[in-house]
Amino acid sequence: MTREMAAQPLPLARECPLTPPAEYARLRAENPVSPLALPGGGTGWLVTRFEDVAAALVDPAVSAQRKFQTTVSAVTLTAEEWQASGFGTSFIGMDPPEHTRYRRMLTGQFTVRRLKELTPRIEQIVDKHVDAMIAAGPPADLVRDFAEPVPSLVICELLGMPYADSKQFQRHADAMQRFERTKEELLTAMTGMATYMRALVQEKRDHPDDGLISGLIRATPEDGVPLTDDELVATGNLLMIAGYATTANMIGMGALALLTHREQWEVLRDHPETIERGVEEMLRYLSVGPFGLPRTAKADTEIGGQRIRAGDPIVLSIESANRDPAQFESPDVLDVTRQPKRHLGFAYGAHQCLGQQLARLEMRIAFGTLTRRLPQLRLTVPAEQIPMRSDMQIYGPYELPVTW
């Protein structure tokens, strides 16, 4: 049972860029389901242990509907503004059975066959960017020259979107993630993305191809009702942001972790057969989501012995859960040879990340290629001088100055 304590803000202060806030260790030991002070006012619950987070992710009484603010941004949108933004029909904030309808349609698009066909193209994209870095000569910025453009190109390839148009998407996505932006800036970014995606949907209706957007247009849900343009726009925007921003920052974080744990880089370099385990370990050890997964109790329930009332806000900390010593031996040690064990890097249950196999594939190819073709890759500045995206909702390095 959680002992009584005053509601505290979400832990955010880091002693090391790669390490979750130290407060999480204390909370797991003493108050695994603790009162949380929300930035928008009011209180909720912060869940920090692996077992409790995993259980909450499959608890039918815990809803994915986003009814409260979890970030430190002072800007919030009304329900009407959210609906008008082009993101209002995004299924990420829905529960079954509404969520299931979209989930099944998208699962049919992320097939083994599609990933197999995409693999040579990902290899080409990765090699092309390594070629360009080598041709330009050191030093380089591994974020600008590799971690950002590679997943951007891959998601464009998947969706059937011209890569030249991805730059404006990146600008809009960055504006949406910043804490210091006005409501006007936020809405401009959201509606800008939606306007472009709506034009792309129309283009795919007129000239279908083998991309995922065209696949969703052709698909027929179980209820027999095809997706509307609004639904296609919201889904396309979600896939673009998730496929670009999270993967780019995971590649950046993974590179920073390996280059500051040199012996782990050398294991992957000298034993390429360990790359699959290495990627799983990076997905466990690192997190680009410092604010956790927001949930709302839609019925009275219990998490970790704590009674939660219907309507209570809940935040599930993935980065804390993945460092839980009750689940992982020596969880604060990065070990690319670790025997893989279930982690929550892609969440769990009905909302487990649809693109997880694509993200794994990109990371395996990216790190396999970097360690093979640039075996002496190293940082040019101390790790503590790397600027981090602490002012953004998706965490990672702003830049990685490297040489070889």
Protein backbone atom coordinates (compact mmCIF):
# COMPACT_ATOMS: atom_id res chain seq x y z
CA MET A 1 0.00 0.00 0.00
CA THR A 2 1.30 3.44 -0.90
CA ARG A 3 1.95 5.57 2.17
CA GLU A 4 0.42 9.02 2.31
CA MET A 5 2.49 11.72 0.65
CA ALA A 6 1.91 15.12 -0.92
CA ALA A 7 1.43 15.25 -4.69
CA GLN A 8 4.73 15.97 -6.45
CA PRO A 9 5.44 17.07 -10.05
CA LEU A 10 6.67 14.52 -12.57
CA PRO A 11 10.40 13.88 -12.01
CA LEU A 12 12.39 15.47 -14.85
CA ALA A 13 15.83 16.45 -13.44
CA ARG A 14 18.59 14.19 -14.80
CA GLU A 15 22.09 13.76 -13.43
CA CYS A 16 23.11 12.16 -16.74
CA PRO A 17 21.47 12.60 -20.17
CA LEU A 18 21.08 8.82 -20.58
CA THR A 19 19.74 8.11 -17.09
CA PRO A 20 16.15 8.59 -15.90
CA PRO A 21 15.65 11.00 -12.99
CA ALA A 22 17.03 9.50 -9.76
CA GLU A 23 13.69 10.12 -8.03
CA TYR A 24 12.21 7.15 -9.88
CA ALA A 25 14.33 4.67 -7.91
CA ARG A 26 13.00 6.05 -4.63
CA LEU A 27 9.42 6.02 -5.88
CA ARG A 28 9.66 2.40 -7.06
CA ALA A 29 10.92 1.39 -3.62
CA GLU A 30 8.70 3.54 -1.43
CA ASN A 31 5.71 4.90 -3.38
CA PRO A 32 5.27 2.96 -6.64
CA VAL A 33 1.83 4.52 -7.22
CA SER A 34 2.29 8.06 -5.95
CA PRO A 35 0.18 11.25 -6.00
CA LEU A 36 1.17 13.38 -9.00
CA ALA A 37 0.81 17.14 -9.31
CA LEU A 38 -0.23 17.92 -12.88
CA PRO A 39 1.16 21.01 -14.63
CA GLY A 40 -2.31 22.13 -15.65
CA GLY A 41 -3.54 21.97 -12.06
CA GLY A 42 -5.13 19.12 -10.14
CA THR A 43 -3.61 15.80 -9.17
CA GLY A 44 -3.35 12.27 -10.51
CA TRP A 45 -1.26 9.15 -10.02
CA LEU A 46 2.26 8.28 -11.18
CA VAL A 47 2.95 4.56 -11.71
CA THR A 48 6.63 3.58 -11.69
CA ARG A 49 7.08 -0.20 -11.26
CA PHE A 50 7.29 -2.55 -14.24
CA GLU A 51 4.62 -4.95 -12.99
CA ASP A 52 2.15 -2.17 -12.23
CA VAL A 53 2.73 -0.29 -15.51
CA ALA A 54 2.29 -3.49 -17.54
CA ALA A 55 -0.89 -4.37 -15.64
CA ALA A 56 -2.35 -0.88 -16.12
CA LEU A 57 -1.69 -1.05 -19.87
CA VAL A 58 -4.10 -4.00 -20.17
CA ASP A 59 -6.59 -2.96 -17.49
CA PRO A 60 -9.99 -2.33 -19.16
CA ALA A 61 -10.72 0.23 -16.46
CA VAL A 62 -7.77 2.36 -17.62
CA SER A 63 -8.60 4.49 -20.64
CA ALA A 64 -6.24 5.86 -23.30
CA GLN A 65 -8.39 8.95 -23.71
CA ARG A 66 -6.31 12.06 -23.01
CA LYS A 67 -8.27 14.23 -20.65
CA PHE A 68 -5.47 16.07 -18.86
CA GLN A 69 -2.14 17.78 -19.44
CA THR A 70 1.09 15.89 -18.69
CA THR A 71 3.81 18.13 -20.13
CA VAL A 72 5.22 21.35 -18.71
CA SER A 73 3.85 23.35 -21.65
CA ALA A 74 1.56 26.15 -20.63
CA VAL A 75 -0.48 25.79 -23.84
CA THR A 76 -3.53 23.55 -23.98
CA LEU A 77 -6.25 23.17 -26.59
CA THR A 78 -9.98 23.00 -26.12
CA ALA A 79 -11.84 19.97 -27.43
CA GLU A 80 -13.13 22.09 -30.31
CA GLU A 81 -9.63 23.34 -31.22
CA TRP A 82 -8.25 19.80 -31.07
CA GLN A 83 -11.01 18.53 -33.35
CA ALA A 84 -10.46 21.35 -35.86
CA SER A 85 -6.68 20.85 -35.89
CA GLY A 86 -6.73 17.75 -38.10
CA PHE A 87 -5.69 15.47 -35.24
CA GLY A 88 -9.11 15.06 -33.65
CA THR A 89 -9.84 11.61 -35.05
CA SER A 90 -6.46 10.10 -34.11
CA PHE A 91 -7.04 6.61 -32.73
CA ILE A 92 -4.13 6.83 -30.27
CA GLY A 93 -6.50 8.36 -27.73
CA MET A 94 -9.35 5.88 -28.27
CA ASP A 95 -10.39 2.72 -26.46
CA PRO A 96 -11.84 -0.50 -27.86
CA PRO A 97 -14.00 -1.04 -29.82
CA GLU A 98 -13.33 2.28 -31.65
CA HIS A 99 -9.58 1.82 -31.32
CA THR A 100 -9.80 -1.80 -32.51
CA ARG A 101 -11.31 -0.75 -35.85
CA TYR A 102 -8.28 1.39 -36.73
CA ARG A 103 -5.79 -0.97 -35.14
CA ARG A 104 -6.84 -3.91 -37.28
CA MET A 105 -6.72 -1.88 -40.46
CA LEU A 106 -3.21 -0.61 -39.72
CA THR A 107 -1.96 -4.01 -38.59
CA GLY A 108 -2.86 -5.24 -42.05
CA GLN A 109 -0.53 -2.60 -43.51
CA PHE A 110 2.52 -3.40 -41.33
CA THR A 111 2.99 -6.86 -42.78
CA VAL A 112 6.12 -9.02 -42.78
CA ARG A 113 6.01 -8.86 -46.58
CA ARG A 114 6.01 -5.04 -46.59
CA LEU A 115 8.94 -4.89 -44.16
CA LYS A 116 10.86 -7.47 -46.20
CA GLU A 117 10.32 -5.41 -49.34
CA LEU A 118 11.35 -2.23 -47.50
CA THR A 119 14.58 -3.68 -46.08
CA PRO A 120 16.79 -3.15 -49.19
CA ARG A 121 15.55 0.42 -49.46
CA ILE A 122 16.41 1.12 -45.79
CA GLU A 123 19.86 -0.35 -46.38
CA GLN A 124 20.30 1.96 -49.39
CA ILE A 125 19.19 5.01 -47.40
CA VAL A 126 21.56 4.22 -44.52
CA ASP A 127 24.51 3.51 -46.83
CA LYS A 128 23.87 6.69 -48.81
CA HIS A 129 24.08 8.82 -45.68
CA VAL A 130 27.21 7.08 -44.44
CA ASP A 131 28.72 7.55 -47.93
CA ALA A 132 27.96 11.28 -47.73
CA MET A 133 29.52 11.59 -44.28
CA ILE A 134 32.68 9.78 -45.43
CA ALA A 135 32.90 11.88 -48.62
CA ALA A 136 32.56 15.13 -46.69
CA GLY A 137 35.10 13.92 -44.18
CA PRO A 138 35.10 14.38 -40.42
CA PRO A 139 33.85 15.98 -38.33
CA ALA A 140 30.13 15.44 -38.73
CA ASP A 141 26.93 15.91 -36.79
CA LEU A 142 25.44 12.42 -36.48
CA VAL A 143 21.98 13.84 -35.70
CA ARG A 144 21.82 16.21 -38.67
CA ASP A 145 23.63 13.92 -41.11
CA PHE A 146 22.21 10.55 -40.11
CA ALA A 147 19.77 10.13 -37.21
CA GLU A 148 17.20 12.61 -38.52
CA PRO A 149 17.24 12.09 -42.31
CA VAL A 150 17.29 8.26 -42.26
CA PRO A 151 13.93 7.69 -40.49
CA SER A 152 12.45 10.67 -42.31
CA LEU A 153 13.23 9.05 -45.66
CA VAL A 154 12.00 5.67 -44.45
CA ILE A 155 8.62 6.94 -43.28
CA CYS A 156 8.21 8.86 -46.56
CA GLU A 157 8.94 5.61 -48.41
CA LEU A 158 6.39 3.77 -46.29
CA LEU A 159 3.62 6.33 -46.67
CA GLY A 160 4.26 7.09 -50.35
CA MET A 161 5.17 10.71 -49.58
CA PRO A 162 7.76 12.78 -51.53
CA TYR A 163 10.87 13.21 -49.40
CA ALA A 164 11.19 16.85 -50.42
CA ASP A 165 7.96 17.53 -48.54
CA SER A 166 9.23 15.95 -45.32
CA LYS A 167 11.18 19.07 -44.34
CA GLN A 168 8.00 21.05 -43.67
CA PHE A 169 6.66 18.11 -41.65
CA GLN A 170 9.82 18.13 -39.54
CA ARG A 171 9.42 21.85 -38.87
CA HIS A 172 5.78 21.42 -37.88
CA ALA A 173 6.58 18.39 -35.69
CA ASP A 174 9.32 20.32 -33.87
CA ALA A 175 6.97 23.25 -33.29
CA MET A 176 4.37 20.90 -31.81
CA GLN A 177 6.90 19.32 -29.44
CA ARG A 178 8.39 22.55 -28.06
CA PHE A 179 7.32 23.67 -24.60
CA GLU A 180 7.80 27.35 -25.34
CA ARG A 181 5.29 27.97 -28.10
CA THR A 182 2.10 29.96 -28.24
CA LYS A 183 -1.28 28.48 -28.95
CA GLU A 184 -1.19 30.20 -32.34
CA GLU A 185 2.16 28.53 -33.15
CA LEU A 186 0.85 25.16 -32.04
CA LEU A 187 -2.33 25.40 -34.08
CA THR A 188 -0.41 26.70 -37.10
CA ALA A 189 1.87 23.64 -36.96
CA MET A 190 -1.02 21.20 -36.51
CA THR A 191 -3.21 22.66 -39.22
CA GLY A 192 -0.19 22.98 -41.53
CA MET A 193 0.47 19.27 -41.20
CA ALA A 194 -3.21 18.48 -41.70
CA THR A 195 -3.51 20.67 -44.80
CA TYR A 196 -0.57 18.96 -46.44
CA MET A 197 -1.75 15.47 -45.45
CA ARG A 198 -5.23 16.20 -46.82
CA ALA A 199 -3.72 17.12 -50.19
CA LEU A 200 -1.62 13.94 -50.10
CA VAL A 201 -4.70 11.81 -49.36
CA GLN A 202 -6.48 13.36 -52.34
CA GLU A 203 -3.42 12.72 -54.51
CA LYS A 204 -3.44 9.05 -53.48
CA ARG A 205 -7.17 8.77 -54.20
CA ASP A 206 -6.53 10.08 -57.71
CA HIS A 207 -3.22 8.25 -58.26
CA PRO A 208 -2.91 5.26 -55.91
CA ASP A 209 0.45 3.57 -55.37
CA ASP A 210 1.89 0.85 -53.12
CA GLY A 211 2.35 3.16 -50.12
CA LEU A 212 0.55 2.86 -46.82
CA ILE A 213 -1.78 5.83 -47.39
CA SER A 214 -3.06 4.23 -50.59
CA GLY A 215 -3.36 0.94 -48.73
CA LEU A 216 -5.56 2.55 -46.08
CA ILE A 217 -7.72 4.17 -48.77
CA ARG A 218 -8.27 0.75 -50.39
CA ALA A 219 -8.82 -1.08 -47.10
CA THR A 220 -12.31 -1.92 -45.93
CA PRO A 221 -12.87 -2.09 -42.16
CA GLU A 222 -14.96 -4.88 -40.63
CA ASP A 223 -17.95 -2.55 -40.49
CA GLY A 224 -17.69 -2.05 -44.26
CA VAL A 225 -17.26 1.73 -43.95
CA PRO A 226 -14.05 3.06 -45.58
CA LEU A 227 -11.99 5.66 -43.74
CA THR A 228 -13.01 9.26 -44.30
CA ASP A 229 -10.53 11.92 -45.36
CA ASP A 230 -10.49 13.27 -41.78
CA GLU A 231 -9.60 9.81 -40.45
CA LEU A 232 -6.92 9.32 -43.09
CA VAL A 233 -5.42 12.74 -42.35
CA ALA A 234 -5.26 12.11 -38.58
CA THR A 235 -3.80 8.63 -39.09
CA GLY A 236 -1.23 9.84 -41.63
CA ASN A 237 -0.10 12.66 -39.33
CA LEU A 238 0.23 10.26 -36.40
CA LEU A 239 2.29 7.80 -38.44
CA MET A 240 4.52 10.57 -39.77
CA ILE A 241 5.30 11.98 -36.32
CA ALA A 242 5.73 8.57 -34.68
CA GLY A 243 7.80 7.21 -37.56
CA TYR A 244 10.10 10.21 -37.74
CA ALA A 245 10.52 11.88 -34.35
CA THR A 246 10.66 8.86 -32.05
CA THR A 247 12.95 6.79 -34.27
CA ALA A 248 15.28 9.71 -35.01
CA ASN A 249 15.72 10.38 -31.31
CA MET A 250 16.16 6.68 -30.49
CA ILE A 251 18.98 6.47 -33.06
CA GLY A 252 20.54 9.62 -31.62
CA MET A 253 20.19 8.37 -28.04
CA GLY A 254 21.50 4.93 -29.01
CA ALA A 255 24.57 6.42 -30.65
CA LEU A 256 25.24 8.63 -27.63
CA ALA A 257 24.88 5.63 -25.31
CA LEU A 258 27.22 3.42 -27.34
CA LEU A 259 29.85 6.13 -27.85
CA THR A 260 29.94 6.90 -24.11
CA HIS A 261 30.04 3.18 -23.26
CA ARG A 262 32.89 2.41 -25.65
CA GLU A 263 33.15 -1.24 -24.70
CA GLN A 264 29.53 -1.74 -25.83
CA TRP A 265 30.25 -0.11 -29.21
CA GLU A 266 33.21 -2.45 -29.60
CA VAL A 267 31.07 -5.51 -28.83
CA LEU A 268 28.67 -4.59 -31.66
CA ARG A 269 31.59 -3.70 -33.93
CA ASP A 270 33.51 -6.92 -33.31
CA HIS A 271 30.50 -9.23 -32.99
CA PRO A 272 27.85 -8.08 -35.48
CA GLU A 273 25.72 -11.11 -34.63
CA THR A 274 24.85 -9.33 -31.37
CA ILE A 275 23.11 -6.40 -33.10
CA GLU A 276 19.59 -7.72 -32.50
CA ARG A 277 20.20 -8.09 -28.76
CA GLY A 278 21.93 -4.73 -28.75
CA VAL A 279 18.92 -2.97 -30.23
CA GLU A 280 16.57 -4.58 -27.68
CA GLU A 281 18.88 -3.44 -24.90
CA MET A 282 18.92 0.13 -26.22
CA LEU A 283 15.12 0.11 -26.41
CA ARG A 284 15.01 -0.97 -22.76
CA TYR A 285 17.84 1.18 -21.43
CA LEU A 286 16.86 4.40 -23.20
CA SER A 287 13.64 6.37 -23.45
CA VAL A 288 12.57 9.26 -25.66
CA GLY A 289 9.31 9.69 -23.73
CA PRO A 290 10.10 11.40 -20.40
CA PHE A 291 6.47 12.29 -19.69
CA GLY A 292 5.14 8.76 -19.67
CA LEU A 293 1.87 7.51 -21.11
CA PRO A 294 -1.19 9.50 -20.05
CA ARG A 295 -4.23 7.47 -19.08
CA THR A 296 -7.53 8.12 -17.30
CA ALA A 297 -9.44 5.73 -15.04
CA LYS A 298 -12.88 5.20 -16.58
CA ALA A 299 -13.98 3.03 -13.66
CA ASP A 300 -12.80 2.42 -10.12
CA THR A 301 -9.78 0.14 -10.16
CA GLU A 302 -6.64 -0.78 -8.23
CA ILE A 303 -3.02 -0.41 -9.34
CA GLY A 304 -0.21 -1.68 -7.16
CA GLY A 305 -2.47 -1.86 -4.12
CA GLN A 306 -3.63 1.75 -4.56
CA ARG A 307 -7.31 2.43 -5.12
CA ILE A 308 -7.88 4.62 -8.18
CA ARG A 309 -11.24 6.32 -8.64
CA ALA A 310 -13.06 6.74 -11.94
CA GLY A 311 -11.92 9.95 -13.60
CA ASP A 312 -8.50 10.03 -11.92
CA PRO A 313 -5.58 10.94 -14.23
CA ILE A 314 -2.81 8.30 -14.43
CA VAL A 315 0.70 8.59 -15.83
CA LEU A 316 2.56 5.36 -16.62
CA SER A 317 6.34 5.86 -16.58
CA ILE A 318 7.91 3.62 -19.20
CA GLU A 319 11.46 4.83 -18.48
CA SER A 320 11.07 3.98 -14.79
CA ALA A 321 9.48 0.60 -15.51
CA ASN A 322 12.33 -0.37 -17.84
CA ARG A 323 14.86 0.32 -15.07
CA ASP A 324 12.99 -1.73 -12.44
CA PRO A 325 15.38 -4.15 -10.66
CA ALA A 326 12.45 -6.45 -9.95
CA GLN A 327 12.22 -7.10 -13.72
CA PHE A 328 15.81 -6.63 -14.91
CA GLU A 329 19.10 -7.66 -13.31
CA SER A 330 21.44 -4.65 -12.96
CA PRO A 331 18.94 -2.46 -14.86
CA ASP A 332 21.18 0.63 -14.87
CA VAL A 333 23.92 -1.24 -16.75
CA LEU A 334 23.94 -1.04 -20.56
CA ASP A 335 24.73 -4.57 -21.77
CA VAL A 336 24.24 -5.23 -25.49
CA THR A 337 24.72 -8.97 -24.89
CA ARG A 338 21.90 -9.11 -22.33
CA GLN A 339 19.43 -11.95 -22.85
CA PRO A 340 16.32 -10.13 -24.12
CA LYS A 341 13.44 -9.94 -21.68
CA ARG A 342 10.08 -8.28 -22.13
CA HIS A 343 10.41 -4.51 -21.84
CA LEU A 344 7.91 -1.70 -22.33
CA GLY A 345 9.82 0.39 -24.85
CA PHE A 346 6.89 0.02 -27.25
CA ALA A 347 4.26 -0.08 -24.48
CA TYR A 348 2.09 -3.20 -24.16
CA GLY A 349 -1.40 -4.45 -24.84
CA ALA A 350 -3.91 -2.94 -27.23
CA HIS A 351 -1.85 0.25 -27.68
CA GLN A 352 1.51 -1.43 -28.25
CA CYS A 353 3.34 0.46 -31.00
CA LEU A 354 2.22 -0.67 -34.45
CA GLY A 355 5.50 0.33 -36.03
CA GLN A 356 7.74 -1.48 -33.54
CA GLN A 357 9.10 -3.99 -36.06
CA LEU A 358 9.92 -1.18 -38.50
CA ALA A 359 11.71 0.75 -35.74
CA ARG A 360 13.70 -2.35 -34.78
CA LEU A 361 14.61 -2.93 -38.41
CA GLU A 362 15.80 0.66 -38.87
CA MET A 363 17.89 0.54 -35.71
CA ARG A 364 19.47 -2.82 -36.58
CA ILE A 365 20.45 -1.59 -40.04
CA ALA A 366 21.58 1.82 -38.75
CA PHE A 367 23.84 0.54 -35.97
CA GLY A 368 25.00 -2.49 -37.91
CA THR A 369 26.15 -0.20 -40.72
CA LEU A 370 27.73 2.45 -38.48
CA THR A 371 29.79 -0.05 -36.49
CA ARG A 372 30.90 -1.83 -39.69
CA ARG A 373 31.70 1.16 -41.89
CA LEU A 374 32.82 3.67 -39.25
CA PRO A 375 34.40 1.38 -36.63
CA GLN A 376 36.43 4.22 -35.06
CA LEU A 377 33.47 6.60 -34.73
CA ARG A 378 33.74 8.70 -31.57
CA LEU A 379 32.46 11.91 -30.01
CA THR A 380 34.51 15.07 -30.40
CA VAL A 381 33.24 16.63 -27.16
CA PRO A 382 32.57 15.23 -23.68
CA ALA A 383 29.12 13.70 -23.29
CA GLU A 384 28.12 16.33 -20.73
CA GLN A 385 28.52 19.00 -23.43
CA ILE A 386 26.00 17.37 -25.78
CA PRO A 387 22.91 19.63 -26.01
CA MET A 388 19.80 17.62 -25.16
CA ARG A 389 16.16 18.21 -26.09
CA SER A 390 15.10 18.91 -22.52
CA ASP A 391 12.78 21.61 -23.85
CA MET A 392 10.88 19.16 -26.07
CA GLN A 393 8.24 16.52 -25.46
CA ILE A 394 10.30 13.87 -27.28
CA TYR A 395 13.75 13.57 -25.73
CA GLY A 396 17.12 13.08 -27.40
CA PRO A 397 20.27 14.92 -28.45
CA TYR A 398 20.04 18.05 -30.56
CA GLU A 399 23.40 17.23 -32.12
CA LEU A 400 26.18 14.64 -31.88
CA PRO A 401 29.56 16.00 -33.01
CA VAL A 402 31.62 12.98 -34.15
CA THR A 403 34.80 12.06 -35.94
CA TRP A 404 36.43 8.81 -37.06
